[in-house]
Amino acid sequence: MVNYQIENVMASSNLNAKINLKDVSERLGDSEYNPDNFPGVIWRPKNTYAVVIIMDDGRLMCTNVRSLEEVESLFKRLTKKLEESGVITPRITCPNCSAVVDSEDVVCIECGFLLQQ
């Protein structure tokens, strides 16, 4: 058997929303944004080696984590911070198909499930 150790996990996610990167960099903290050098916000949260890149189309890329649990925790933490700062609107998932929907949606666009009655 070959011995191995996970040293670095790379992961991606998508917020499925257009994002104003200047707002993100001003409100998020622990981030840098210089559009002349790189087209995304680089977020380096405190107390971790993780780095998350946030693009204006809502794509997220994460590196320097060592477990899937850490990736999930990091993306949840980032999403919560973006929602609390007003950069993105809170979102929920459809109970029928798990698609991401806006909190004010009445019907899921993916499957047609009635979300609000």
N, C-alpha and C. Protein backbone atom coordinates (compact mmCIF):
# COMPACT_ATOMS: atom_id res chain seq x y z
N MET A 1 0.84 -1.18 0.00
CA MET A 1 0.00 0.00 0.00
C MET A 1 0.89 1.24 0.00
N VAL A 2 0.50 2.21 -0.79
CA VAL A 2 1.24 3.47 -0.87
C VAL A 2 0.72 4.41 0.22
N ASN A 3 1.63 4.97 0.98
CA ASN A 3 1.24 5.95 2.00
C ASN A 3 1.13 7.32 1.36
N TYR A 4 0.14 8.08 1.78
CA TYR A 4 -0.03 9.42 1.26
C TYR A 4 -0.60 10.33 2.33
N GLN A 5 -0.46 11.60 2.09
CA GLN A 5 -0.99 12.61 2.99
C GLN A 5 -1.54 13.75 2.13
N ILE A 6 -2.73 14.21 2.43
CA ILE A 6 -3.30 15.33 1.69
C ILE A 6 -2.67 16.61 2.20
N GLU A 7 -2.04 17.33 1.30
CA GLU A 7 -1.35 18.57 1.64
C GLU A 7 -2.11 19.81 1.18
N ASN A 8 -2.84 19.68 0.08
CA ASN A 8 -3.51 20.84 -0.49
C ASN A 8 -4.74 20.40 -1.25
N VAL A 9 -5.88 20.99 -0.93
CA VAL A 9 -7.12 20.73 -1.65
C VAL A 9 -7.48 22.00 -2.41
N MET A 10 -7.84 21.84 -3.67
CA MET A 10 -8.35 22.97 -4.45
C MET A 10 -9.81 22.70 -4.71
N ALA A 11 -10.64 23.74 -4.59
CA ALA A 11 -12.07 23.57 -4.78
C ALA A 11 -12.64 24.81 -5.46
N SER A 12 -13.77 24.62 -6.11
CA SER A 12 -14.44 25.77 -6.72
C SER A 12 -15.92 25.71 -6.39
N SER A 13 -16.55 26.84 -6.46
CA SER A 13 -17.98 26.95 -6.22
C SER A 13 -18.48 28.11 -7.06
N ASN A 14 -19.79 28.31 -7.06
CA ASN A 14 -20.36 29.40 -7.83
C ASN A 14 -21.55 29.97 -7.07
N LEU A 15 -21.54 31.28 -6.86
CA LEU A 15 -22.64 31.95 -6.19
C LEU A 15 -23.80 32.23 -7.14
N ASN A 16 -23.58 32.01 -8.42
CA ASN A 16 -24.60 32.25 -9.45
C ASN A 16 -25.17 33.66 -9.36
N ALA A 17 -24.29 34.63 -9.21
CA ALA A 17 -24.71 36.02 -9.12
C ALA A 17 -23.58 36.92 -9.57
N LYS A 18 -23.92 38.02 -10.21
CA LYS A 18 -22.92 39.03 -10.54
C LYS A 18 -22.52 39.74 -9.25
N ILE A 19 -21.25 40.02 -9.11
CA ILE A 19 -20.74 40.60 -7.87
C ILE A 19 -19.91 41.84 -8.19
N ASN A 20 -20.13 42.90 -7.42
CA ASN A 20 -19.33 44.10 -7.53
C ASN A 20 -18.08 43.89 -6.69
N LEU A 21 -16.97 43.66 -7.35
CA LEU A 21 -15.73 43.31 -6.64
C LEU A 21 -15.20 44.46 -5.79
N LYS A 22 -15.44 45.69 -6.19
CA LYS A 22 -15.00 46.82 -5.37
C LYS A 22 -15.74 46.80 -4.03
N ASP A 23 -17.07 46.53 -4.07
CA ASP A 23 -17.85 46.42 -2.83
C ASP A 23 -17.34 45.28 -1.96
N VAL A 24 -17.04 44.15 -2.60
CA VAL A 24 -16.54 43.00 -1.85
C VAL A 24 -15.25 43.36 -1.12
N SER A 25 -14.32 43.97 -1.83
CA SER A 25 -13.03 44.28 -1.22
C SER A 25 -13.16 45.30 -0.09
N GLU A 26 -14.10 46.23 -0.21
CA GLU A 26 -14.30 47.24 0.83
C GLU A 26 -15.00 46.68 2.06
N ARG A 27 -15.93 45.76 1.86
CA ARG A 27 -16.75 45.26 2.96
C ARG A 27 -16.26 43.97 3.59
N LEU A 28 -15.49 43.19 2.86
CA LEU A 28 -15.12 41.86 3.33
C LEU A 28 -14.01 41.87 4.37
N GLY A 29 -13.00 42.66 4.18
CA GLY A 29 -11.84 42.63 5.07
C GLY A 29 -10.94 41.46 4.70
N ASP A 30 -9.70 41.51 5.12
CA ASP A 30 -8.71 40.47 4.84
C ASP A 30 -8.62 40.16 3.34
N SER A 31 -8.85 41.17 2.51
CA SER A 31 -8.86 40.92 1.07
C SER A 31 -8.07 41.99 0.34
N GLU A 32 -7.73 41.66 -0.89
CA GLU A 32 -7.05 42.63 -1.74
C GLU A 32 -7.68 42.61 -3.12
N TYR A 33 -7.76 43.78 -3.72
CA TYR A 33 -8.34 43.88 -5.06
C TYR A 33 -7.58 44.96 -5.82
N ASN A 34 -6.91 44.54 -6.85
CA ASN A 34 -6.20 45.45 -7.74
C ASN A 34 -6.48 45.00 -9.16
N PRO A 35 -7.54 45.53 -9.78
CA PRO A 35 -7.95 45.05 -11.10
C PRO A 35 -6.91 45.24 -12.19
N ASP A 36 -5.93 46.13 -11.96
CA ASP A 36 -4.87 46.29 -12.95
C ASP A 36 -3.92 45.10 -12.97
N ASN A 37 -3.81 44.39 -11.85
CA ASN A 37 -2.91 43.24 -11.76
C ASN A 37 -3.63 41.90 -11.87
N PHE A 38 -4.87 41.82 -11.33
CA PHE A 38 -5.59 40.56 -11.31
C PHE A 38 -7.09 40.86 -11.30
N PRO A 39 -7.91 40.14 -12.07
CA PRO A 39 -9.32 40.50 -12.22
C PRO A 39 -10.25 40.04 -11.10
N GLY A 40 -9.71 39.53 -10.00
CA GLY A 40 -10.58 39.06 -8.92
C GLY A 40 -10.13 39.57 -7.57
N VAL A 41 -11.00 39.38 -6.58
CA VAL A 41 -10.66 39.70 -5.19
C VAL A 41 -9.96 38.49 -4.59
N ILE A 42 -8.88 38.72 -3.88
CA ILE A 42 -8.17 37.64 -3.19
C ILE A 42 -8.47 37.79 -1.71
N TRP A 43 -9.14 36.80 -1.13
CA TRP A 43 -9.51 36.82 0.29
C TRP A 43 -8.63 35.85 1.04
N ARG A 44 -7.92 36.34 2.05
CA ARG A 44 -7.07 35.53 2.90
C ARG A 44 -7.60 35.64 4.33
N PRO A 45 -8.54 34.77 4.70
CA PRO A 45 -9.13 34.87 6.04
C PRO A 45 -8.09 34.62 7.13
N LYS A 46 -8.28 35.32 8.25
CA LYS A 46 -7.35 35.18 9.38
C LYS A 46 -7.42 33.78 9.96
N ASN A 47 -6.34 33.38 10.61
CA ASN A 47 -6.23 32.10 11.33
C ASN A 47 -6.30 30.88 10.41
N THR A 48 -5.95 31.05 9.15
CA THR A 48 -5.89 29.93 8.22
C THR A 48 -4.92 30.28 7.10
N TYR A 49 -4.45 29.27 6.41
CA TYR A 49 -3.59 29.49 5.25
C TYR A 49 -4.41 29.56 3.96
N ALA A 50 -5.71 29.37 4.06
CA ALA A 50 -6.58 29.32 2.90
C ALA A 50 -6.58 30.63 2.12
N VAL A 51 -6.80 30.49 0.82
CA VAL A 51 -6.95 31.63 -0.07
C VAL A 51 -8.18 31.36 -0.94
N VAL A 52 -9.06 32.36 -1.04
CA VAL A 52 -10.23 32.24 -1.91
C VAL A 52 -10.18 33.38 -2.91
N ILE A 53 -10.34 33.04 -4.17
CA ILE A 53 -10.42 34.04 -5.23
C ILE A 53 -11.89 34.20 -5.60
N ILE A 54 -12.34 35.44 -5.63
CA ILE A 54 -13.74 35.76 -5.93
C ILE A 54 -13.77 36.51 -7.25
N MET A 55 -14.50 35.98 -8.22
CA MET A 55 -14.59 36.62 -9.54
C MET A 55 -15.93 37.36 -9.66
N ASP A 56 -16.01 38.31 -10.60
CA ASP A 56 -17.21 39.13 -10.71
C ASP A 56 -18.44 38.38 -11.21
N ASP A 57 -18.26 37.20 -11.78
CA ASP A 57 -19.42 36.41 -12.21
C ASP A 57 -19.90 35.45 -11.13
N GLY A 58 -19.31 35.54 -9.92
CA GLY A 58 -19.74 34.72 -8.79
C GLY A 58 -18.95 33.45 -8.58
N ARG A 59 -17.98 33.18 -9.45
CA ARG A 59 -17.17 31.98 -9.26
C ARG A 59 -16.21 32.17 -8.10
N LEU A 60 -16.02 31.10 -7.33
CA LEU A 60 -15.10 31.10 -6.20
C LEU A 60 -14.10 29.97 -6.41
N MET A 61 -12.83 30.24 -6.12
CA MET A 61 -11.80 29.22 -6.18
C MET A 61 -11.02 29.26 -4.88
N CYS A 62 -10.84 28.11 -4.28
CA CYS A 62 -10.20 28.02 -2.97
C CYS A 62 -8.99 27.09 -3.06
N THR A 63 -7.94 27.46 -2.34
CA THR A 63 -6.76 26.62 -2.27
C THR A 63 -6.13 26.76 -0.89
N ASN A 64 -5.13 25.93 -0.64
CA ASN A 64 -4.39 25.91 0.63
C ASN A 64 -5.23 25.41 1.81
N VAL A 65 -6.15 24.51 1.56
CA VAL A 65 -6.87 23.85 2.65
C VAL A 65 -6.52 22.37 2.60
N ARG A 66 -6.78 21.68 3.70
CA ARG A 66 -6.34 20.29 3.78
C ARG A 66 -7.46 19.27 3.90
N SER A 67 -8.71 19.74 3.88
CA SER A 67 -9.81 18.77 3.97
C SER A 67 -11.06 19.33 3.31
N LEU A 68 -11.96 18.44 2.93
CA LEU A 68 -13.22 18.86 2.35
C LEU A 68 -14.07 19.61 3.38
N GLU A 69 -13.95 19.23 4.64
CA GLU A 69 -14.69 19.91 5.70
C GLU A 69 -14.25 21.37 5.81
N GLU A 70 -12.95 21.60 5.68
CA GLU A 70 -12.42 22.96 5.74
C GLU A 70 -12.90 23.78 4.54
N VAL A 71 -12.97 23.17 3.36
CA VAL A 71 -13.48 23.85 2.17
C VAL A 71 -14.93 24.27 2.40
N GLU A 72 -15.75 23.33 2.85
CA GLU A 72 -17.16 23.62 3.08
C GLU A 72 -17.33 24.73 4.13
N SER A 73 -16.58 24.66 5.19
CA SER A 73 -16.66 25.66 6.25
C SER A 73 -16.24 27.04 5.71
N LEU A 74 -15.21 27.07 4.90
CA LEU A 74 -14.71 28.32 4.34
C LEU A 74 -15.73 28.96 3.40
N PHE A 75 -16.31 28.17 2.50
CA PHE A 75 -17.31 28.70 1.57
C PHE A 75 -18.56 29.18 2.32
N LYS A 76 -18.97 28.44 3.35
CA LYS A 76 -20.13 28.89 4.15
C LYS A 76 -19.82 30.19 4.86
N ARG A 77 -18.62 30.30 5.42
CA ARG A 77 -18.20 31.51 6.13
C ARG A 77 -18.18 32.71 5.18
N LEU A 78 -17.63 32.51 3.98
CA LEU A 78 -17.57 33.58 3.00
C LEU A 78 -18.96 34.01 2.56
N THR A 79 -19.82 33.04 2.26
CA THR A 79 -21.18 33.35 1.83
C THR A 79 -21.92 34.13 2.91
N LYS A 80 -21.77 33.71 4.15
CA LYS A 80 -22.43 34.42 5.26
C LYS A 80 -21.93 35.85 5.36
N LYS A 81 -20.61 36.05 5.24
CA LYS A 81 -20.05 37.40 5.31
C LYS A 81 -20.55 38.27 4.15
N LEU A 82 -20.65 37.70 2.96
CA LEU A 82 -21.14 38.46 1.81
C LEU A 82 -22.61 38.82 1.97
N GLU A 83 -23.40 37.90 2.52
CA GLU A 83 -24.81 38.19 2.77
C GLU A 83 -24.98 39.26 3.84
N GLU A 84 -24.25 39.14 4.94
CA GLU A 84 -24.35 40.10 6.04
C GLU A 84 -23.90 41.50 5.63
N SER A 85 -22.96 41.59 4.72
CA SER A 85 -22.47 42.89 4.29
C SER A 85 -23.32 43.48 3.16
N GLY A 86 -24.29 42.72 2.67
CA GLY A 86 -25.18 43.21 1.63
C GLY A 86 -24.64 43.09 0.22
N VAL A 87 -23.54 42.40 0.03
CA VAL A 87 -22.96 42.23 -1.30
C VAL A 87 -23.82 41.28 -2.14
N ILE A 88 -24.32 40.21 -1.53
CA ILE A 88 -25.24 39.30 -2.21
C ILE A 88 -26.50 39.16 -1.36
N THR A 89 -27.60 38.83 -2.00
CA THR A 89 -28.83 38.63 -1.26
C THR A 89 -28.84 37.21 -0.69
N PRO A 90 -29.44 37.03 0.48
CA PRO A 90 -29.51 35.67 1.04
C PRO A 90 -30.20 34.72 0.07
N ARG A 91 -29.71 33.51 0.01
CA ARG A 91 -30.26 32.51 -0.90
C ARG A 91 -30.60 31.25 -0.12
N ILE A 92 -31.54 30.54 -0.66
CA ILE A 92 -31.94 29.26 -0.08
C ILE A 92 -31.88 28.21 -1.18
N THR A 93 -32.04 26.96 -0.81
CA THR A 93 -32.08 25.90 -1.81
C THR A 93 -33.50 25.36 -1.92
N CYS A 94 -33.85 24.96 -3.11
CA CYS A 94 -35.16 24.38 -3.36
C CYS A 94 -35.24 23.03 -2.64
N PRO A 95 -36.29 22.80 -1.85
CA PRO A 95 -36.40 21.52 -1.15
C PRO A 95 -36.65 20.34 -2.10
N ASN A 96 -37.05 20.63 -3.32
CA ASN A 96 -37.35 19.56 -4.27
C ASN A 96 -36.13 19.13 -5.08
N CYS A 97 -35.33 20.11 -5.58
CA CYS A 97 -34.22 19.76 -6.47
C CYS A 97 -32.86 20.29 -6.00
N SER A 98 -32.83 21.02 -4.88
CA SER A 98 -31.61 21.58 -4.29
C SER A 98 -30.96 22.69 -5.10
N ALA A 99 -31.67 23.26 -6.06
CA ALA A 99 -31.14 24.40 -6.81
C ALA A 99 -31.12 25.62 -5.90
N VAL A 100 -30.17 26.50 -6.13
CA VAL A 100 -30.09 27.74 -5.35
C VAL A 100 -31.14 28.71 -5.88
N VAL A 101 -31.94 29.27 -4.96
CA VAL A 101 -32.99 30.23 -5.33
C VAL A 101 -32.88 31.45 -4.43
N ASP A 102 -33.35 32.59 -4.92
CA ASP A 102 -33.37 33.80 -4.10
C ASP A 102 -34.46 33.68 -3.06
N SER A 103 -34.27 34.32 -1.91
CA SER A 103 -35.23 34.21 -0.81
C SER A 103 -36.60 34.76 -1.17
N GLU A 104 -36.68 35.68 -2.14
CA GLU A 104 -37.98 36.22 -2.53
C GLU A 104 -38.65 35.48 -3.68
N ASP A 105 -37.99 34.46 -4.24
CA ASP A 105 -38.59 33.68 -5.33
C ASP A 105 -39.82 32.93 -4.85
N VAL A 106 -40.80 32.82 -5.72
CA VAL A 106 -42.03 32.10 -5.40
C VAL A 106 -41.97 30.68 -5.95
N VAL A 107 -41.34 30.52 -7.12
CA VAL A 107 -41.25 29.23 -7.79
C VAL A 107 -39.79 28.96 -8.16
N CYS A 108 -39.36 27.72 -8.01
CA CYS A 108 -38.01 27.32 -8.42
C CYS A 108 -37.93 27.34 -9.94
N ILE A 109 -36.96 28.04 -10.47
CA ILE A 109 -36.79 28.13 -11.92
C ILE A 109 -36.37 26.79 -12.51
N GLU A 110 -35.62 25.99 -11.77
CA GLU A 110 -35.11 24.72 -12.26
C GLU A 110 -36.20 23.65 -12.41
N CYS A 111 -37.04 23.51 -11.37
CA CYS A 111 -37.99 22.39 -11.40
C CYS A 111 -39.47 22.82 -11.30
N GLY A 112 -39.72 24.11 -11.06
CA GLY A 112 -41.10 24.59 -10.98
C GLY A 112 -41.77 24.37 -9.64
N PHE A 113 -41.01 23.94 -8.64
CA PHE A 113 -41.57 23.68 -7.31
C PHE A 113 -42.06 25.00 -6.69
N LEU A 114 -43.25 25.00 -6.09
CA LEU A 114 -43.81 26.16 -5.45
C LEU A 114 -43.11 26.36 -4.09
N LEU A 115 -42.36 27.46 -3.98
CA LEU A 115 -41.56 27.71 -2.78
C LEU A 115 -42.34 28.44 -1.70
N GLN A 116 -43.21 29.36 -2.09
CA GLN A 116 -43.98 30.15 -1.13
C GLN A 116 -45.47 29.94 -1.41
N GLN A 117 -46.23 29.85 -0.35
CA GLN A 117 -47.68 29.67 -0.54
C GLN A 117 -48.45 30.76 0.12
